[in-house]
PDB file of all heavy atoms in Angstrom:
ATOM      1  N   ALA A   1      -3.463 -12.022   7.251  1.00  0.00           N
ATOM      2  CA  ALA A   1      -2.167 -12.347   6.648  1.00  0.00           C
ATOM      3  C   ALA A   1      -2.064 -11.758   5.243  1.00  0.00           C
ATOM      4  O   ALA A   1      -1.036 -11.181   4.863  1.00  0.00           O
ATOM      5  CB  ALA A   1      -1.970 -13.862   6.602  1.00  0.00           C
ATOM      6  N   ILE A   2      -3.128 -11.900   4.465  1.00  0.00           N
ATOM      7  CA  ILE A   2      -3.136 -11.348   3.102  1.00  0.00           C
ATOM      8  C   ILE A   2      -3.101  -9.825   3.149  1.00  0.00           C
ATOM      9  O   ILE A   2      -2.486  -9.177   2.295  1.00  0.00           O
ATOM     10  CB  ILE A   2      -4.369 -11.834   2.313  1.00  0.00           C
ATOM     11  CG1 ILE A   2      -4.401 -13.359   2.249  1.00  0.00           C
ATOM     12  CG2 ILE A   2      -4.365 -11.248   0.905  1.00  0.00           C
ATOM     13  CD1 ILE A   2      -3.200 -13.974   1.586  1.00  0.00           C
ATOM     14  N   ALA A   3      -3.752  -9.240   4.156  1.00  0.00           N
ATOM     15  CA  ALA A   3      -3.715  -7.778   4.298  1.00  0.00           C
ATOM     16  C   ALA A   3      -2.288  -7.300   4.515  1.00  0.00           C
ATOM     17  O   ALA A   3      -1.869  -6.273   3.959  1.00  0.00           O
ATOM     18  CB  ALA A   3      -4.607  -7.336   5.459  1.00  0.00           C
ATOM     19  N   LEU A   4      -1.522  -8.028   5.330  1.00  0.00           N
ATOM     20  CA  LEU A   4      -0.122  -7.665   5.568  1.00  0.00           C
ATOM     21  C   LEU A   4       0.708  -7.826   4.298  1.00  0.00           C
ATOM     22  O   LEU A   4       1.480  -6.936   3.918  1.00  0.00           O
ATOM     23  CB  LEU A   4       0.464  -8.530   6.683  1.00  0.00           C
ATOM     24  CG  LEU A   4       0.005  -8.224   8.114  1.00  0.00           C
ATOM     25  CD1 LEU A   4       0.557  -9.268   9.078  1.00  0.00           C
ATOM     26  CD2 LEU A   4       0.456  -6.834   8.538  1.00  0.00           C
ATOM     27  N   ILE A   5       0.541  -8.971   3.627  1.00  0.00           N
ATOM     28  CA  ILE A   5       1.320  -9.236   2.406  1.00  0.00           C
ATOM     29  C   ILE A   5       0.986  -8.204   1.329  1.00  0.00           C
ATOM     30  O   ILE A   5       1.885  -7.649   0.676  1.00  0.00           O
ATOM     31  CB  ILE A   5       1.042 -10.661   1.891  1.00  0.00           C
ATOM     32  CG1 ILE A   5       1.603 -11.700   2.879  1.00  0.00           C
ATOM     33  CG2 ILE A   5       1.655 -10.872   0.500  1.00  0.00           C
ATOM     34  CD1 ILE A   5       1.141 -13.113   2.599  1.00  0.00           C
ATOM     35  N   SER A   6      -0.313  -7.931   1.146  1.00  0.00           N
ATOM     36  CA  SER A   6      -0.712  -6.982   0.099  1.00  0.00           C
ATOM     37  C   SER A   6      -0.278  -5.560   0.428  1.00  0.00           C
ATOM     38  O   SER A   6       0.039  -4.776  -0.477  1.00  0.00           O
ATOM     39  CB  SER A   6      -2.229  -7.043  -0.125  1.00  0.00           C
ATOM     40  OG  SER A   6      -2.930  -6.723   1.063  1.00  0.00           O
ATOM     41  N   SER A   7      -0.213  -5.218   1.721  1.00  0.00           N
ATOM     42  CA  SER A   7       0.269  -3.878   2.084  1.00  0.00           C
ATOM     43  C   SER A   7       1.755  -3.752   1.771  1.00  0.00           C
ATOM     44  O   SER A   7       2.216  -2.707   1.301  1.00  0.00           O
ATOM     45  CB  SER A   7      -0.001  -3.585   3.564  1.00  0.00           C
ATOM     46  OG  SER A   7       0.903  -4.261   4.405  1.00  0.00           O
ATOM     47  N   GLY A   8       2.506  -4.837   2.034  1.00  0.00           N
ATOM     48  CA  GLY A   8       3.936  -4.820   1.716  1.00  0.00           C
ATOM     49  C   GLY A   8       4.198  -4.731   0.220  1.00  0.00           C
ATOM     50  O   GLY A   8       4.967  -3.877  -0.244  1.00  0.00           O
ATOM     51  N   LEU A   9       3.522  -5.588  -0.545  1.00  0.00           N
ATOM     52  CA  LEU A   9       3.704  -5.583  -2.002  1.00  0.00           C
ATOM     53  C   LEU A   9       3.194  -4.282  -2.610  1.00  0.00           C
ATOM     54  O   LEU A   9       3.806  -3.727  -3.531  1.00  0.00           O
ATOM     55  CB  LEU A   9       2.962  -6.776  -2.626  1.00  0.00           C
ATOM     56  CG  LEU A   9       3.463  -8.175  -2.238  1.00  0.00           C
ATOM     57  CD1 LEU A   9       2.594  -9.252  -2.882  1.00  0.00           C
ATOM     58  CD2 LEU A   9       4.929  -8.361  -2.647  1.00  0.00           C
ATOM     59  N   GLY A  10       2.076  -3.778  -2.083  1.00  0.00           N
ATOM     60  CA  GLY A  10       1.513  -2.529  -2.585  1.00  0.00           C
ATOM     61  C   GLY A  10       2.433  -1.346  -2.336  1.00  0.00           C
ATOM     62  O   GLY A  10       2.587  -0.464  -3.189  1.00  0.00           O
ATOM     63  N   THR A  11       3.052  -1.318  -1.149  1.00  0.00           N
ATOM     64  CA  THR A  11       3.987  -0.232  -0.824  1.00  0.00           C
ATOM     65  C   THR A  11       5.208  -0.279  -1.734  1.00  0.00           C
ATOM     66  O   THR A  11       5.670   0.764  -2.224  1.00  0.00           O
ATOM     67  CB  THR A  11       4.423  -0.325   0.651  1.00  0.00           C
ATOM     68  OG1 THR A  11       3.262  -0.179   1.481  1.00  0.00           O
ATOM     69  CG2 THR A  11       5.432   0.759   0.991  1.00  0.00           C
ATOM     70  N   LEU A  12       5.734  -1.471  -1.983  1.00  0.00           N
ATOM     71  CA  LEU A  12       6.887  -1.603  -2.890  1.00  0.00           C
ATOM     72  C   LEU A  12       6.525  -1.136  -4.297  1.00  0.00           C
ATOM     73  O   LEU A  12       7.329  -0.468  -4.964  1.00  0.00           O
ATOM     74  CB  LEU A  12       7.375  -3.055  -2.907  1.00  0.00           C
ATOM     75  CG  LEU A  12       8.006  -3.557  -1.598  1.00  0.00           C
ATOM     76  CD1 LEU A  12       8.292  -5.055  -1.690  1.00  0.00           C
ATOM     77  CD2 LEU A  12       9.304  -2.799  -1.287  1.00  0.00           C
ATOM     78  N   ALA A  13       5.319  -1.485  -4.760  1.00  0.00           N
ATOM     79  CA  ALA A  13       4.862  -1.029  -6.080  1.00  0.00           C
ATOM     80  C   ALA A  13       4.734   0.494  -6.112  1.00  0.00           C
ATOM     81  O   ALA A  13       5.130   1.146  -7.089  1.00  0.00           O
ATOM     82  CB  ALA A  13       3.525  -1.681  -6.426  1.00  0.00           C
ATOM     83  N   PHE A  14       4.194   1.066  -5.032  1.00  0.00           N
ATOM     84  CA  PHE A  14       4.049   2.526  -4.936  1.00  0.00           C
ATOM     85  C   PHE A  14       5.412   3.208  -5.009  1.00  0.00           C
ATOM     86  O   PHE A  14       5.589   4.197  -5.742  1.00  0.00           O
ATOM     87  CB  PHE A  14       3.347   2.874  -3.619  1.00  0.00           C
ATOM     88  CG  PHE A  14       3.196   4.357  -3.379  1.00  0.00           C
ATOM     89  CD1 PHE A  14       2.087   5.041  -3.839  1.00  0.00           C
ATOM     90  CD2 PHE A  14       4.164   5.071  -2.684  1.00  0.00           C
ATOM     91  CE1 PHE A  14       1.943   6.408  -3.624  1.00  0.00           C
ATOM     92  CE2 PHE A  14       4.039   6.432  -2.455  1.00  0.00           C
ATOM     93  CZ  PHE A  14       2.921   7.103  -2.931  1.00  0.00           C
ATOM     94  N   LEU A  15       6.383   2.700  -4.252  1.00  0.00           N
ATOM     95  CA  LEU A  15       7.727   3.296  -4.258  1.00  0.00           C
ATOM     96  C   LEU A  15       8.347   3.225  -5.648  1.00  0.00           C
ATOM     97  O   LEU A  15       9.003   4.165  -6.103  1.00  0.00           O
ATOM     98  CB  LEU A  15       8.619   2.578  -3.236  1.00  0.00           C
ATOM     99  CG  LEU A  15       8.240   2.768  -1.759  1.00  0.00           C
ATOM    100  CD1 LEU A  15       9.102   1.874  -0.876  1.00  0.00           C
ATOM    101  CD2 LEU A  15       8.383   4.221  -1.334  1.00  0.00           C
ATOM    102  N   LEU A  16       8.142   2.100  -6.334  1.00  0.00           N
ATOM    103  CA  LEU A  16       8.687   1.930  -7.684  1.00  0.00           C
ATOM    104  C   LEU A  16       8.052   2.919  -8.662  1.00  0.00           C
ATOM    105  O   LEU A  16       8.754   3.584  -9.432  1.00  0.00           O
ATOM    106  CB  LEU A  16       8.446   0.493  -8.146  1.00  0.00           C
ATOM    107  CG  LEU A  16       8.997   0.114  -9.525  1.00  0.00           C
ATOM    108  CD1 LEU A  16      10.527   0.194  -9.532  1.00  0.00           C
ATOM    109  CD2 LEU A  16       8.549  -1.288  -9.920  1.00  0.00           C
ATOM    110  N   ILE A  17       6.732   3.049  -8.614  1.00  0.00           N
ATOM    111  CA  ILE A  17       6.020   3.932  -9.550  1.00  0.00           C
ATOM    112  C   ILE A  17       6.349   5.398  -9.290  1.00  0.00           C
ATOM    113  O   ILE A  17       6.423   6.203 -10.220  1.00  0.00           O
ATOM    114  CB  ILE A  17       4.503   3.672  -9.469  1.00  0.00           C
ATOM    115  CG1 ILE A  17       4.193   2.298 -10.068  1.00  0.00           C
ATOM    116  CG2 ILE A  17       3.705   4.755 -10.191  1.00  0.00           C
ATOM    117  CD1 ILE A  17       2.787   1.811  -9.830  1.00  0.00           C
ATOM    118  N   THR A  18       6.562   5.757  -8.021  1.00  0.00           N
ATOM    119  CA  THR A  18       6.906   7.148  -7.691  1.00  0.00           C
ATOM    120  C   THR A  18       8.420   7.391  -7.759  1.00  0.00           C
ATOM    121  O   THR A  18       8.916   8.374  -7.225  1.00  0.00           O
ATOM    122  CB  THR A  18       6.387   7.523  -6.290  1.00  0.00           C
ATOM    123  OG1 THR A  18       6.896   6.600  -5.321  1.00  0.00           O
ATOM    124  CG2 THR A  18       4.877   7.510  -6.254  1.00  0.00           C
ATOM    125  N   GLN A  19       9.130   6.491  -8.412  1.00  0.00           N
ATOM    126  CA  GLN A  19      10.571   6.628  -8.678  1.00  0.00           C
ATOM    127  C   GLN A  19      11.392   6.736  -7.380  1.00  0.00           C
ATOM    128  O   GLN A  19      12.411   7.394  -7.346  1.00  0.00           O
ATOM    129  CB  GLN A  19      10.822   7.852  -9.571  1.00  0.00           C
ATOM    130  CG  GLN A  19      10.083   7.783 -10.898  1.00  0.00           C
ATOM    131  CD  GLN A  19      10.178   9.068 -11.700  1.00  0.00           C
ATOM    132  OE1 GLN A  19      10.221  10.172 -11.143  1.00  0.00           O
ATOM    133  NE2 GLN A  19      10.213   8.946 -13.019  1.00  0.00           N
ATOM    134  N   PHE A  20      10.905   6.075  -6.320  1.00  0.00           N
ATOM    135  CA  PHE A  20      11.580   6.069  -5.012  1.00  0.00           C
ATOM    136  C   PHE A  20      11.840   7.498  -4.498  1.00  0.00           C
ATOM    137  O   PHE A  20      12.858   7.770  -3.881  1.00  0.00           O
ATOM    138  CB  PHE A  20      12.882   5.263  -5.083  1.00  0.00           C
ATOM    139  CG  PHE A  20      12.651   3.798  -5.299  1.00  0.00           C
ATOM    140  CD1 PHE A  20      12.654   3.256  -6.583  1.00  0.00           C
ATOM    141  CD2 PHE A  20      12.393   2.965  -4.223  1.00  0.00           C
ATOM    142  CE1 PHE A  20      12.417   1.905  -6.787  1.00  0.00           C
ATOM    143  CE2 PHE A  20      12.153   1.607  -4.418  1.00  0.00           C
ATOM    144  CZ  PHE A  20      12.165   1.070  -5.696  1.00  0.00           C
ATOM    145  N   LYS A  21      10.862   8.376  -4.767  1.00  0.00           N
ATOM    146  CA  LYS A  21      10.975   9.765  -4.303  1.00  0.00           C
ATOM    147  C   LYS A  21      10.018  10.082  -3.154  1.00  0.00           C
ATOM    148  O   LYS A  21      10.223  11.055  -2.437  1.00  0.00           O
ATOM    149  CB  LYS A  21      10.690  10.727  -5.468  1.00  0.00           C
ATOM    150  CG  LYS A  21      11.749  10.705  -6.571  1.00  0.00           C
ATOM    151  CD  LYS A  21      11.388  11.678  -7.682  1.00  0.00           C
ATOM    152  CE  LYS A  21      12.450  11.687  -8.769  1.00  0.00           C
ATOM    153  NZ  LYS A  21      12.109  12.637  -9.869  1.00  0.00           N
ATOM    154  N   VAL A  22       8.967   9.257  -2.981  1.00  0.00           N
ATOM    155  CA  VAL A  22       7.915   9.562  -1.999  1.00  0.00           C
ATOM    156  C   VAL A  22       7.949   8.527  -0.871  1.00  0.00           C
ATOM    157  O   VAL A  22       7.575   7.370  -1.079  1.00  0.00           O
ATOM    158  CB  VAL A  22       6.524   9.565  -2.654  1.00  0.00           C
ATOM    159  CG1 VAL A  22       5.460   9.959  -1.632  1.00  0.00           C
ATOM    160  CG2 VAL A  22       6.492  10.499  -3.857  1.00  0.00           C
ATOM    161  N   PRO A  23       8.373   8.907   0.341  1.00  0.00           N
ATOM    162  CA  PRO A  23       8.414   7.962   1.459  1.00  0.00           C
ATOM    163  C   PRO A  23       7.039   7.780   2.093  1.00  0.00           C
ATOM    164  O   PRO A  23       6.640   8.517   2.998  1.00  0.00           O
ATOM    165  CB  PRO A  23       9.396   8.621   2.439  1.00  0.00           C
ATOM    166  CG  PRO A  23       9.251  10.090   2.175  1.00  0.00           C
ATOM    167  CD  PRO A  23       8.912  10.227   0.712  1.00  0.00           C
ATOM    168  N   ALA A  24       6.276   6.827   1.587  1.00  0.00           N
ATOM    169  CA  ALA A  24       4.922   6.596   2.098  1.00  0.00           C
ATOM    170  C   ALA A  24       4.697   5.106   2.287  1.00  0.00           C
ATOM    171  O   ALA A  24       5.319   4.280   1.601  1.00  0.00           O
ATOM    172  CB  ALA A  24       3.885   7.168   1.132  1.00  0.00           C
ATOM    173  N   TYR A  25       3.800   4.769   3.223  1.00  0.00           N
ATOM    174  CA  TYR A  25       3.420   3.370   3.425  1.00  0.00           C
ATOM    175  C   TYR A  25       1.926   3.234   3.151  1.00  0.00           C
ATOM    176  O   TYR A  25       1.128   4.080   3.549  1.00  0.00           O
ATOM    177  CB  TYR A  25       3.724   2.891   4.851  1.00  0.00           C
ATOM    178  CG  TYR A  25       3.646   1.384   4.956  1.00  0.00           C
ATOM    179  CD1 TYR A  25       4.784   0.613   4.796  1.00  0.00           C
ATOM    180  CD2 TYR A  25       2.429   0.737   5.142  1.00  0.00           C
ATOM    181  CE1 TYR A  25       4.714  -0.773   4.830  1.00  0.00           C
ATOM    182  CE2 TYR A  25       2.347  -0.645   5.167  1.00  0.00           C
ATOM    183  CZ  TYR A  25       3.493  -1.389   5.016  1.00  0.00           C
ATOM    184  OH  TYR A  25       3.418  -2.760   5.025  1.00  0.00           O
ATOM    185  N   LEU A  26       1.549   2.146   2.473  1.00  0.00           N
ATOM    186  CA  LEU A  26       0.153   1.918   2.118  1.00  0.00           C
ATOM    187  C   LEU A  26      -0.423   0.756   2.914  1.00  0.00           C
ATOM    188  O   LEU A  26       0.133  -0.350   2.909  1.00  0.00           O
ATOM    189  CB  LEU A  26       0.011   1.635   0.615  1.00  0.00           C
ATOM    190  CG  LEU A  26       0.038   2.860  -0.301  1.00  0.00           C
ATOM    191  CD1 LEU A  26       1.447   3.449  -0.402  1.00  0.00           C
ATOM    192  CD2 LEU A  26      -0.466   2.519  -1.690  1.00  0.00           C
ATOM    193  N   GLY A  27      -1.526   1.038   3.627  1.00  0.00           N
ATOM    194  CA  GLY A  27      -2.197   0.013   4.409  1.00  0.00           C
ATOM    195  C   GLY A  27      -3.659  -0.104   4.013  1.00  0.00           C
ATOM    196  O   GLY A  27      -4.110   0.500   3.039  1.00  0.00           O
ATOM    197  N   SER A  28      -4.424  -0.869   4.780  1.00  0.00           N
ATOM    198  CA  SER A  28      -5.837  -1.118   4.478  1.00  0.00           C
ATOM    199  C   SER A  28      -6.663   0.157   4.624  1.00  0.00           C
ATOM    200  O   SER A  28      -6.508   0.901   5.577  1.00  0.00           O
ATOM    201  CB  SER A  28      -6.383  -2.190   5.416  1.00  0.00           C
ATOM    202  OG  SER A  28      -5.587  -3.361   5.379  1.00  0.00           O
ATOM    203  N   SER A  29      -7.576   0.379   3.673  1.00  0.00           N
ATOM    204  CA  SER A  29      -8.397   1.587   3.658  1.00  0.00           C
ATOM    205  C   SER A  29      -9.702   1.388   4.436  1.00  0.00           C
ATOM    206  O   SER A  29     -10.443   0.429   4.191  1.00  0.00           O
ATOM    207  CB  SER A  29      -8.731   1.985   2.220  1.00  0.00           C
ATOM    208  OG  SER A  29      -9.681   3.022   2.193  1.00  0.00           O
ATOM    209  N   PHE A  30     -10.000   2.319   5.359  1.00  0.00           N
ATOM    210  CA  PHE A  30     -11.241   2.250   6.128  1.00  0.00           C
ATOM    211  C   PHE A  30     -12.437   2.729   5.322  1.00  0.00           C
ATOM    212  O   PHE A  30     -13.577   2.366   5.624  1.00  0.00           O
ATOM    213  CB  PHE A  30     -11.109   3.077   7.408  1.00  0.00           C
ATOM    214  CG  PHE A  30     -10.314   2.387   8.477  1.00  0.00           C
ATOM    215  CD1 PHE A  30      -8.938   2.493   8.503  1.00  0.00           C
ATOM    216  CD2 PHE A  30     -10.947   1.621   9.439  1.00  0.00           C
ATOM    217  CE1 PHE A  30      -8.197   1.842   9.471  1.00  0.00           C
ATOM    218  CE2 PHE A  30     -10.215   0.970  10.410  1.00  0.00           C
ATOM    219  CZ  PHE A  30      -8.837   1.078  10.431  1.00  0.00           C
ATOM    220  N   ALA A  31     -12.208   3.534   4.303  1.00  0.00           N
ATOM    221  CA  ALA A  31     -13.320   4.080   3.513  1.00  0.00           C
ATOM    222  C   ALA A  31     -14.088   2.975   2.798  1.00  0.00           C
ATOM    223  O   ALA A  31     -15.275   3.132   2.501  1.00  0.00           O
ATOM    224  CB  ALA A  31     -12.788   5.086   2.497  1.00  0.00           C
ATOM    225  N   PHE A  32     -13.423   1.840   2.542  1.00  0.00           N
ATOM    226  CA  PHE A  32     -14.057   0.771   1.766  1.00  0.00           C
ATOM    227  C   PHE A  32     -14.681  -0.315   2.639  1.00  0.00           C
ATOM    228  O   PHE A  32     -15.146  -1.330   2.106  1.00  0.00           O
ATOM    229  CB  PHE A  32     -13.027   0.132   0.827  1.00  0.00           C
ATOM    230  CG  PHE A  32     -12.709   0.953  -0.392  1.00  0.00           C
ATOM    231  CD1 PHE A  32     -11.632   1.829  -0.383  1.00  0.00           C
ATOM    232  CD2 PHE A  32     -13.479   0.867  -1.536  1.00  0.00           C
ATOM    233  CE1 PHE A  32     -11.331   2.597  -1.506  1.00  0.00           C
ATOM    234  CE2 PHE A  32     -13.191   1.622  -2.663  1.00  0.00           C
ATOM    235  CZ  PHE A  32     -12.110   2.497  -2.648  1.00  0.00           C
ATOM    236  N   ILE A  33     -14.696  -0.142   3.968  1.00  0.00           N
ATOM    237  CA  ILE A  33     -15.217  -1.208   4.834  1.00  0.00           C
ATOM    238  C   ILE A  33     -16.667  -1.547   4.494  1.00  0.00           C
ATOM    239  O   ILE A  33     -17.007  -2.704   4.214  1.00  0.00           O
ATOM    240  CB  ILE A  33     -15.089  -0.819   6.324  1.00  0.00           C
ATOM    241  CG1 ILE A  33     -13.617  -0.806   6.739  1.00  0.00           C
ATOM    242  CG2 ILE A  33     -15.869  -1.803   7.196  1.00  0.00           C
ATOM    243  CD1 ILE A  33     -13.385  -0.308   8.157  1.00  0.00           C
ATOM    244  N   ALA A  34     -17.534  -0.538   4.530  1.00  0.00           N
ATOM    245  CA  ALA A  34     -18.955  -0.779   4.248  1.00  0.00           C
ATOM    246  C   ALA A  34     -19.182  -1.310   2.824  1.00  0.00           C
ATOM    247  O   ALA A  34     -19.932  -2.284   2.639  1.00  0.00           O
ATOM    248  CB  ALA A  34     -19.770   0.482   4.498  1.00  0.00           C
ATOM    249  N   PRO A  35     -18.559  -0.727   1.782  1.00  0.00           N
ATOM    250  CA  PRO A  35     -18.745  -1.270   0.435  1.00  0.00           C
ATOM    251  C   PRO A  35     -18.253  -2.709   0.276  1.00  0.00           C
ATOM    252  O   PRO A  35     -18.890  -3.509  -0.409  1.00  0.00           O
ATOM    253  CB  PRO A  35     -17.922  -0.313  -0.441  1.00  0.00           C
ATOM    254  CG  PRO A  35     -17.873   0.951   0.317  1.00  0.00           C
ATOM    255  CD  PRO A  35     -17.827   0.559   1.751  1.00  0.00           C
TER     256      PRO A  35
END
């Protein structure tokens, strides 16, 4: 549930910082699983 909420909030933050110019979605990173 937190992964979903944080992906939503993170994507909104990304869109805001990139001045709503970059259509991208941010989800959980697999590179950090082991760490």
